[in-house]
Amino acid sequence: MGTMSQQQFENFTASSLYCEKCKTAMPVRERLLLILPDRELYDYLCTGCGSSVGQREVTAGDKLMARAAAPPRRPRRSVAPRGLVP
């Protein structure tokens, strides 16, 4: 497998995980638990019952790689509110 293919799967977020309380795979939401100097810790919460179903750790290096791989952001244009344009 090439390095580009491996990089695509090194960092991902879950959209659904198995919940012990609900006894099925449920959609999850990610909650930031802790910010440390070298990493961030996230918790996955079941949208059905609210219980914790998993965790994810993002290192500072992972964040830098994700920013470098993301398409460049376009600057926002300021738009004058209606009625105030001369």
PDB file of N, CA and C in Angstrom:
ATOM      1  N   MET A   1       0.849  -1.173   0.000  1.00  0.00           N
ATOM      2  CA  MET A   1       0.000   0.000   0.000  1.00  0.00           C
ATOM      3  C   MET A   1       0.895   1.237   0.000  1.00  0.00           C
ATOM      4  N   GLY A   2       0.597   2.228  -0.812  1.00  0.00           N
ATOM      5  CA  GLY A   2       1.404   3.429  -0.919  1.00  0.00           C
ATOM      6  C   GLY A   2       1.230   4.345   0.270  1.00  0.00           C
ATOM      7  N   THR A   3       2.137   5.313   0.400  1.00  0.00           N
ATOM      8  CA  THR A   3       2.060   6.217   1.544  1.00  0.00           C
ATOM      9  C   THR A   3       0.814   7.089   1.498  1.00  0.00           C
ATOM     10  N   MET A   4       0.363   7.470   0.310  1.00  0.00           N
ATOM     11  CA  MET A   4      -0.841   8.291   0.216  1.00  0.00           C
ATOM     12  C   MET A   4      -2.056   7.513   0.721  1.00  0.00           C
ATOM     13  N   SER A   5      -2.151   6.244   0.383  1.00  0.00           N
ATOM     14  CA  SER A   5      -3.263   5.426   0.849  1.00  0.00           C
ATOM     15  C   SER A   5      -3.222   5.253   2.360  1.00  0.00           C
ATOM     16  N   GLN A   6      -2.042   5.069   2.918  1.00  0.00           N
ATOM     17  CA  GLN A   6      -1.912   4.914   4.359  1.00  0.00           C
ATOM     18  C   GLN A   6      -2.278   6.208   5.076  1.00  0.00           C
ATOM     19  N   GLN A   7      -1.871   7.348   4.542  1.00  0.00           N
ATOM     20  CA  GLN A   7      -2.175   8.627   5.175  1.00  0.00           C
ATOM     21  C   GLN A   7      -3.672   8.884   5.209  1.00  0.00           C
ATOM     22  N   GLN A   8      -4.403   8.399   4.224  1.00  0.00           N
ATOM     23  CA  GLN A   8      -5.837   8.617   4.191  1.00  0.00           C
ATOM     24  C   GLN A   8      -6.543   7.949   5.369  1.00  0.00           C
ATOM     25  N   PHE A   9      -5.989   6.857   5.875  1.00  0.00           N
ATOM     26  CA  PHE A   9      -6.658   6.115   6.933  1.00  0.00           C
ATOM     27  C   PHE A   9      -5.999   6.227   8.289  1.00  0.00           C
ATOM     28  N   GLU A  10      -4.945   7.010   8.412  1.00  0.00           N
ATOM     29  CA  GLU A  10      -4.308   7.156   9.710  1.00  0.00           C
ATOM     30  C   GLU A  10      -5.166   7.980  10.662  1.00  0.00           C
ATOM     31  N   ASN A  11      -5.846   8.986  10.147  1.00  0.00           N
ATOM     32  CA  ASN A  11      -6.677   9.858  10.975  1.00  0.00           C
ATOM     33  C   ASN A  11      -8.087   9.890  10.414  1.00  0.00           C
ATOM     34  N   PHE A  12      -9.041   9.434  11.200  1.00  0.00           N
ATOM     35  CA  PHE A  12     -10.423   9.506  10.777  1.00  0.00           C
ATOM     36  C   PHE A  12     -11.293   9.631  12.013  1.00  0.00           C
ATOM     37  N   THR A  13     -12.512  10.100  11.831  1.00  0.00           N
ATOM     38  CA  THR A  13     -13.463  10.188  12.925  1.00  0.00           C
ATOM     39  C   THR A  13     -14.601   9.210  12.663  1.00  0.00           C
ATOM     40  N   ALA A  14     -15.118   8.647  13.725  1.00  0.00           N
ATOM     41  CA  ALA A  14     -16.198   7.665  13.595  1.00  0.00           C
ATOM     42  C   ALA A  14     -17.538   8.373  13.454  1.00  0.00           C
ATOM     43  N   SER A  15     -18.419   7.819  12.652  1.00  0.00           N
ATOM     44  CA  SER A  15     -19.774   8.358  12.536  1.00  0.00           C
ATOM     45  C   SER A  15     -20.769   7.492  13.300  1.00  0.00           C
ATOM     46  N   SER A  16     -20.452   6.207  13.476  1.00  0.00           N
ATOM     47  CA  SER A  16     -21.294   5.331  14.298  1.00  0.00           C
ATOM     48  C   SER A  16     -20.420   4.260  14.939  1.00  0.00           C
ATOM     49  N   LEU A  17     -20.768   3.883  16.152  1.00  0.00           N
ATOM     50  CA  LEU A  17     -20.052   2.855  16.911  1.00  0.00           C
ATOM     51  C   LEU A  17     -21.070   2.001  17.658  1.00  0.00           C
ATOM     52  N   TYR A  18     -20.654   0.804  18.049  1.00  0.00           N
ATOM     53  CA  TYR A  18     -21.539  -0.093  18.790  1.00  0.00           C
ATOM     54  C   TYR A  18     -21.712   0.432  20.213  1.00  0.00           C
ATOM     55  N   CYS A  19     -22.956   0.503  20.670  1.00  0.00           N
ATOM     56  CA  CYS A  19     -23.273   0.952  22.022  1.00  0.00           C
ATOM     57  C   CYS A  19     -23.754  -0.240  22.839  1.00  0.00           C
ATOM     58  N   GLU A  20     -23.111  -0.482  23.974  1.00  0.00           N
ATOM     59  CA  GLU A  20     -23.497  -1.602  24.857  1.00  0.00           C
ATOM     60  C   GLU A  20     -24.903  -1.421  25.414  1.00  0.00           C
ATOM     61  N   LYS A  21     -25.269  -0.190  25.767  1.00  0.00           N
ATOM     62  CA  LYS A  21     -26.599   0.039  26.342  1.00  0.00           C
ATOM     63  C   LYS A  21     -27.705  -0.121  25.308  1.00  0.00           C
ATOM     64  N   CYS A  22     -27.492   0.411  24.104  1.00  0.00           N
ATOM     65  CA  CYS A  22     -28.507   0.340  23.049  1.00  0.00           C
ATOM     66  C   CYS A  22     -28.481  -1.000  22.315  1.00  0.00           C
ATOM     67  N   LYS A  23     -27.403  -1.763  22.478  1.00  0.00           N
ATOM     68  CA  LYS A  23     -27.226  -3.086  21.855  1.00  0.00           C
ATOM     69  C   LYS A  23     -27.231  -3.041  20.324  1.00  0.00           C
ATOM     70  N   THR A  24     -26.770  -1.943  19.749  1.00  0.00           N
ATOM     71  CA  THR A  24     -26.685  -1.806  18.297  1.00  0.00           C
ATOM     72  C   THR A  24     -25.687  -0.699  17.955  1.00  0.00           C
ATOM     73  N   ALA A  25     -25.287  -0.640  16.702  1.00  0.00           N
ATOM     74  CA  ALA A  25     -24.432   0.458  16.248  1.00  0.00           C
ATOM     75  C   ALA A  25     -25.283   1.722  16.199  1.00  0.00           C
ATOM     76  N   MET A  26     -24.777   2.778  16.809  1.00  0.00           N
ATOM     77  CA  MET A  26     -25.521   4.034  16.907  1.00  0.00           C
ATOM     78  C   MET A  26     -24.675   5.182  16.374  1.00  0.00           C
ATOM     79  N   PRO A  27     -25.315   6.226  15.848  1.00  0.00           N
ATOM     80  CA  PRO A  27     -24.571   7.421  15.478  1.00  0.00           C
ATOM     81  C   PRO A  27     -23.924   8.012  16.739  1.00  0.00           C
ATOM     82  N   VAL A  28     -22.765   8.593  16.562  1.00  0.00           N
ATOM     83  CA  VAL A  28     -22.049   9.171  17.703  1.00  0.00           C
ATOM     84  C   VAL A  28     -21.703  10.625  17.424  1.00  0.00           C
ATOM     85  N   ARG A  29     -21.476  11.367  18.504  1.00  0.00           N
ATOM     86  CA  ARG A  29     -20.941  12.711  18.377  1.00  0.00           C
ATOM     87  C   ARG A  29     -19.646  12.761  19.154  1.00  0.00           C
ATOM     88  N   GLU A  30     -18.757  13.594  18.691  1.00  0.00           N
ATOM     89  CA  GLU A  30     -17.433  13.681  19.278  1.00  0.00           C
ATOM     90  C   GLU A  30     -17.391  14.861  20.250  1.00  0.00           C
ATOM     91  N   ARG A  31     -16.840  14.632  21.441  1.00  0.00           N
ATOM     92  CA  ARG A  31     -16.725  15.677  22.451  1.00  0.00           C
ATOM     93  C   ARG A  31     -15.263  15.820  22.848  1.00  0.00           C
ATOM     94  N   LEU A  32     -14.754  17.034  22.819  1.00  0.00           N
ATOM     95  CA  LEU A  32     -13.383  17.307  23.237  1.00  0.00           C
ATOM     96  C   LEU A  32     -13.296  17.163  24.746  1.00  0.00           C
ATOM     97  N   LEU A  33     -12.414  16.286  25.210  1.00  0.00           N
ATOM     98  CA  LEU A  33     -12.249  16.051  26.641  1.00  0.00           C
ATOM     99  C   LEU A  33     -11.125  16.870  27.244  1.00  0.00           C
ATOM    100  N   LEU A  34      -9.970  16.884  26.566  1.00  0.00           N
ATOM    101  CA  LEU A  34      -8.776  17.456  27.171  1.00  0.00           C
ATOM    102  C   LEU A  34      -7.820  17.941  26.103  1.00  0.00           C
ATOM    103  N   ILE A  35      -7.255  19.119  26.314  1.00  0.00           N
ATOM    104  CA  ILE A  35      -6.221  19.652  25.420  1.00  0.00           C
ATOM    105  C   ILE A  35      -4.909  19.646  26.185  1.00  0.00           C
ATOM    106  N   LEU A  36      -3.945  18.919  25.661  1.00  0.00           N
ATOM    107  CA  LEU A  36      -2.603  18.840  26.228  1.00  0.00           C
ATOM    108  C   LEU A  36      -1.628  19.494  25.260  1.00  0.00           C
ATOM    109  N   PRO A  37      -0.414  19.824  25.701  1.00  0.00           N
ATOM    110  CA  PRO A  37       0.545  20.482  24.793  1.00  0.00           C
ATOM    111  C   PRO A  37       0.858  19.670  23.532  1.00  0.00           C
ATOM    112  N   ASP A  38       0.845  18.339  23.630  1.00  0.00           N
ATOM    113  CA  ASP A  38       1.233  17.520  22.486  1.00  0.00           C
ATOM    114  C   ASP A  38       0.089  16.736  21.853  1.00  0.00           C
ATOM    115  N   ARG A  39      -1.129  16.808  22.425  1.00  0.00           N
ATOM    116  CA  ARG A  39      -2.250  16.059  21.858  1.00  0.00           C
ATOM    117  C   ARG A  39      -3.582  16.549  22.426  1.00  0.00           C
ATOM    118  N   GLU A  40      -4.656  16.118  21.765  1.00  0.00           N
ATOM    119  CA  GLU A  40      -6.017  16.391  22.224  1.00  0.00           C
ATOM    120  C   GLU A  40      -6.739  15.061  22.387  1.00  0.00           C
ATOM    121  N   LEU A  41      -7.546  14.944  23.421  1.00  0.00           N
ATOM    122  CA  LEU A  41      -8.300  13.721  23.686  1.00  0.00           C
ATOM    123  C   LEU A  41      -9.786  13.986  23.446  1.00  0.00           C
ATOM    124  N   TYR A  42     -10.426  13.092  22.685  1.00  0.00           N
ATOM    125  CA  TYR A  42     -11.842  13.206  22.352  1.00  0.00           C
ATOM    126  C   TYR A  42     -12.587  11.982  22.853  1.00  0.00           C
ATOM    127  N   ASP A  43     -13.863  12.147  23.171  1.00  0.00           N
ATOM    128  CA  ASP A  43     -14.730  11.058  23.606  1.00  0.00           C
ATOM    129  C   ASP A  43     -15.876  10.948  22.609  1.00  0.00           C
ATOM    130  N   TYR A  44     -16.264   9.729  22.252  1.00  0.00           N
ATOM    131  CA  TYR A  44     -17.409   9.500  21.380  1.00  0.00           C
ATOM    132  C   TYR A  44     -18.614   9.171  22.246  1.00  0.00           C
ATOM    133  N   LEU A  45     -19.716   9.915  22.045  1.00  0.00           N
ATOM    134  CA  LEU A  45     -20.934   9.709  22.815  1.00  0.00           C
ATOM    135  C   LEU A  45     -22.046   9.194  21.914  1.00  0.00           C
ATOM    136  N   CYS A  46     -22.772   8.182  22.390  1.00  0.00           N
ATOM    137  CA  CYS A  46     -23.925   7.634  21.673  1.00  0.00           C
ATOM    138  C   CYS A  46     -25.013   8.706  21.631  1.00  0.00           C
ATOM    139  N   THR A  47     -25.595   8.930  20.451  1.00  0.00           N
ATOM    140  CA  THR A  47     -26.647   9.936  20.341  1.00  0.00           C
ATOM    141  C   THR A  47     -27.981   9.425  20.887  1.00  0.00           C
ATOM    142  N   GLY A  48     -28.096   8.117  21.100  1.00  0.00           N
ATOM    143  CA  GLY A  48     -29.325   7.552  21.639  1.00  0.00           C
ATOM    144  C   GLY A  48     -29.424   7.673  23.148  1.00  0.00           C
ATOM    145  N   CYS A  49     -28.382   7.233  23.848  1.00  0.00           N
ATOM    146  CA  CYS A  49     -28.438   7.211  25.315  1.00  0.00           C
ATOM    147  C   CYS A  49     -27.426   8.140  25.983  1.00  0.00           C
ATOM    148  N   GLY A  50     -26.465   8.660  25.207  1.00  0.00           N
ATOM    149  CA  GLY A  50     -25.490   9.594  25.765  1.00  0.00           C
ATOM    150  C   GLY A  50     -24.290   8.951  26.439  1.00  0.00           C
ATOM    151  N   SER A  51     -24.190   7.624  26.402  1.00  0.00           N
ATOM    152  CA  SER A  51     -23.062   6.959  27.058  1.00  0.00           C
ATOM    153  C   SER A  51     -21.808   7.039  26.190  1.00  0.00           C
ATOM    154  N   SER A  52     -20.654   6.946  26.839  1.00  0.00           N
ATOM    155  CA  SER A  52     -19.375   6.963  26.147  1.00  0.00           C
ATOM    156  C   SER A  52     -19.154   5.617  25.468  1.00  0.00           C
ATOM    157  N   VAL A  53     -18.855   5.644  24.165  1.00  0.00           N
ATOM    158  CA  VAL A  53     -18.663   4.396  23.422  1.00  0.00           C
ATOM    159  C   VAL A  53     -17.273   4.284  22.806  1.00  0.00           C
ATOM    160  N   GLY A  54     -16.422   5.273  23.001  1.00  0.00           N
ATOM    161  CA  GLY A  54     -15.078   5.203  22.453  1.00  0.00           C
ATOM    162  C   GLY A  54     -14.319   6.499  22.678  1.00  0.00           C
ATOM    163  N   GLN A  55     -13.025   6.461  22.363  1.00  0.00           N
ATOM    164  CA  GLN A  55     -12.172   7.629  22.522  1.00  0.00           C
ATOM    165  C   GLN A  55     -11.234   7.744  21.334  1.00  0.00           C
ATOM    166  N   ARG A  56     -10.729   8.964  21.138  1.00  0.00           N
ATOM    167  CA  ARG A  56      -9.784   9.215  20.057  1.00  0.00           C
ATOM    168  C   ARG A  56      -8.754  10.202  20.555  1.00  0.00           C
ATOM    169  N   GLU A  57      -7.512  10.013  20.129  1.00  0.00           N
ATOM    170  CA  GLU A  57      -6.416  10.893  20.501  1.00  0.00           C
ATOM    171  C   GLU A  57      -5.814  11.476  19.234  1.00  0.00           C
ATOM    172  N   VAL A  58      -5.655  12.785  19.211  1.00  0.00           N
ATOM    173  CA  VAL A  58      -5.067  13.466  18.062  1.00  0.00           C
ATOM    174  C   VAL A  58      -3.787  14.141  18.532  1.00  0.00           C
ATOM    175  N   THR A  59      -2.658  13.734  17.946  1.00  0.00           N
ATOM    176  CA  THR A  59      -1.380  14.343  18.325  1.00  0.00           C
ATOM    177  C   THR A  59      -1.164  15.636  17.547  1.00  0.00           C
ATOM    178  N   ALA A  60      -0.242  16.440  18.032  1.00  0.00           N
ATOM    179  CA  ALA A  60       0.063  17.707  17.364  1.00  0.00           C
ATOM    180  C   ALA A  60       0.540  17.452  15.936  1.00  0.00           C
ATOM    181  N   GLY A  61       1.301  16.391  15.714  1.00  0.00           N
ATOM    182  CA  GLY A  61       1.776  16.049  14.376  1.00  0.00           C
ATOM    183  C   GLY A  61       0.629  15.676  13.447  1.00  0.00           C
ATOM    184  N   ASP A  62      -0.354  14.960  13.975  1.00  0.00           N
ATOM    185  CA  ASP A  62      -1.534  14.596  13.181  1.00  0.00           C
ATOM    186  C   ASP A  62      -2.302  15.838  12.751  1.00  0.00           C
ATOM    187  N   LYS A  63      -2.427  16.811  13.652  1.00  0.00           N
ATOM    188  CA  LYS A  63      -3.145  18.042  13.329  1.00  0.00           C
ATOM    189  C   LYS A  63      -2.424  18.821  12.234  1.00  0.00           C
ATOM    190  N   LEU A  64      -1.092  18.871  12.308  1.00  0.00           N
ATOM    191  CA  LEU A  64      -0.316  19.573  11.280  1.00  0.00           C
ATOM    192  C   LEU A  64      -0.469  18.897   9.930  1.00  0.00           C
ATOM    193  N   MET A  65      -0.437  17.561   9.916  1.00  0.00           N
ATOM    194  CA  MET A  65      -0.588  16.829   8.655  1.00  0.00           C
ATOM    195  C   MET A  65      -1.982  17.041   8.065  1.00  0.00           C
ATOM    196  N   ALA A  66      -3.003  17.071   8.912  1.00  0.00           N
ATOM    197  CA  ALA A  66      -4.371  17.275   8.435  1.00  0.00           C
ATOM    198  C   ALA A  66      -4.522  18.669   7.829  1.00  0.00           C
ATOM    199  N   ARG A  67      -3.917  19.670   8.448  1.00  0.00           N
ATOM    200  CA  ARG A  67      -3.989  21.028   7.900  1.00  0.00           C
ATOM    201  C   ARG A  67      -3.256  21.122   6.570  1.00  0.00           C
ATOM    202  N   ALA A  68      -2.124  20.440   6.457  1.00  0.00           N
ATOM    203  CA  ALA A  68      -1.350  20.486   5.213  1.00  0.00           C
ATOM    204  C   ALA A  68      -2.090  19.778   4.080  1.00  0.00           C
ATOM    205  N   ALA A  69      -2.840  18.730   4.402  1.00  0.00           N
ATOM    206  CA  ALA A  69      -3.554  17.972   3.380  1.00  0.00           C
ATOM    207  C   ALA A  69      -4.877  18.628   2.990  1.00  0.00           C
ATOM    208  N   ALA A  70      -5.399  19.495   3.845  1.00  0.00           N
ATOM    209  CA  ALA A  70      -6.687  20.136   3.566  1.00  0.00           C
ATOM    210  C   ALA A  70      -6.533  21.168   2.458  1.00  0.00           C
ATOM    211  N   PRO A  71      -7.573  21.359   1.662  1.00  0.00           N
ATOM    212  CA  PRO A  71      -7.509  22.390   0.623  1.00  0.00           C
ATOM    213  C   PRO A  71      -7.390  23.764   1.264  1.00  0.00           C
ATOM    214  N   PRO A  72      -6.717  24.700   0.601  1.00  0.00           N
ATOM    215  CA  PRO A  72      -6.550  26.032   1.193  1.00  0.00           C
ATOM    216  C   PRO A  72      -7.906  26.720   1.359  1.00  0.00           C
ATOM    217  N   ARG A  73      -8.035  27.444   2.456  1.00  0.00           N
ATOM    218  CA  ARG A  73      -9.284  28.154   2.717  1.00  0.00           C
ATOM    219  C   ARG A  73      -9.302  29.466   1.953  1.00  0.00           C
ATOM    220  N   ARG A  74     -10.461  29.766   1.379  1.00  0.00           N
ATOM    221  CA  ARG A  74     -10.615  31.035   0.688  1.00  0.00           C
ATOM    222  C   ARG A  74     -10.945  32.110   1.710  1.00  0.00           C
ATOM    223  N   PRO A  75     -10.373  33.297   1.561  1.00  0.00           N
ATOM    224  CA  PRO A  75     -10.699  34.366   2.519  1.00  0.00           C
ATOM    225  C   PRO A  75     -12.158  34.765   2.379  1.00  0.00           C
ATOM    226  N   ARG A  76     -12.770  35.106   3.492  1.00  0.00           N
ATOM    227  CA  ARG A  76     -14.167  35.514   3.481  1.00  0.00           C
ATOM    228  C   ARG A  76     -14.286  36.930   2.949  1.00  0.00           C
ATOM    229  N   ARG A  77     -15.298  37.122   2.138  1.00  0.00           N
ATOM    230  CA  ARG A  77     -15.572  38.457   1.643  1.00  0.00           C
ATOM    231  C   ARG A  77     -16.491  39.142   2.631  1.00  0.00           C
ATOM    232  N   SER A  78     -16.225  40.415   2.885  1.00  0.00           N
ATOM    233  CA  SER A  78     -17.148  41.147   3.736  1.00  0.00           C
ATOM    234  C   SER A  78     -18.280  41.669   2.861  1.00  0.00           C
ATOM    235  N   VAL A  79     -19.476  41.479   3.319  1.00  0.00           N
ATOM    236  CA  VAL A  79     -20.651  41.882   2.575  1.00  0.00           C
ATOM    237  C   VAL A  79     -21.367  42.948   3.370  1.00  0.00           C
ATOM    238  N   ALA A  80     -21.652  44.066   2.738  1.00  0.00           N
ATOM    239  CA  ALA A  80     -22.363  45.152   3.406  1.00  0.00           C
ATOM    240  C   ALA A  80     -23.803  44.730   3.650  1.00  0.00           C
ATOM    241  N   PRO A  81     -24.351  45.061   4.821  1.00  0.00           N
ATOM    242  CA  PRO A  81     -25.756  44.741   5.078  1.00  0.00           C
ATOM    243  C   PRO A  81     -26.674  45.456   4.111  1.00  0.00           C
ATOM    244  N   ARG A  82     -27.801  44.854   3.813  1.00  0.00           N
ATOM    245  CA  ARG A  82     -28.758  45.451   2.877  1.00  0.00           C
ATOM    246  C   ARG A  82     -29.233  46.803   3.396  1.00  0.00           C
ATOM    247  N   GLY A  83     -29.422  47.702   2.466  1.00  0.00           N
ATOM    248  CA  GLY A  83     -29.934  49.021   2.816  1.00  0.00           C
ATOM    249  C   GLY A  83     -28.865  50.030   3.171  1.00  0.00           C
ATOM    250  N   LEU A  84     -27.625  49.567   3.377  1.00  0.00           N
ATOM    251  CA  LEU A  84     -26.551  50.472   3.738  1.00  0.00           C
ATOM    252  C   LEU A  84     -25.605  50.747   2.571  1.00  0.00           C
ATOM    253  N   VAL A  85     -25.828  50.115   1.439  1.00  0.00           N
ATOM    254  CA  VAL A  85     -24.978  50.325   0.292  1.00  0.00           C
ATOM    255  C   VAL A  85     -25.424  51.620  -0.399  1.00  0.00           C
ATOM    256  N   PRO A  86     -24.484  52.575  -0.639  1.00  0.00           N
ATOM    257  CA  PRO A  86     -24.860  53.852  -1.266  1.00  0.00           C
ATOM    258  C   PRO A  86     -25.315  53.707  -2.691  1.00  0.00           C
TER     259      PRO A  86
END
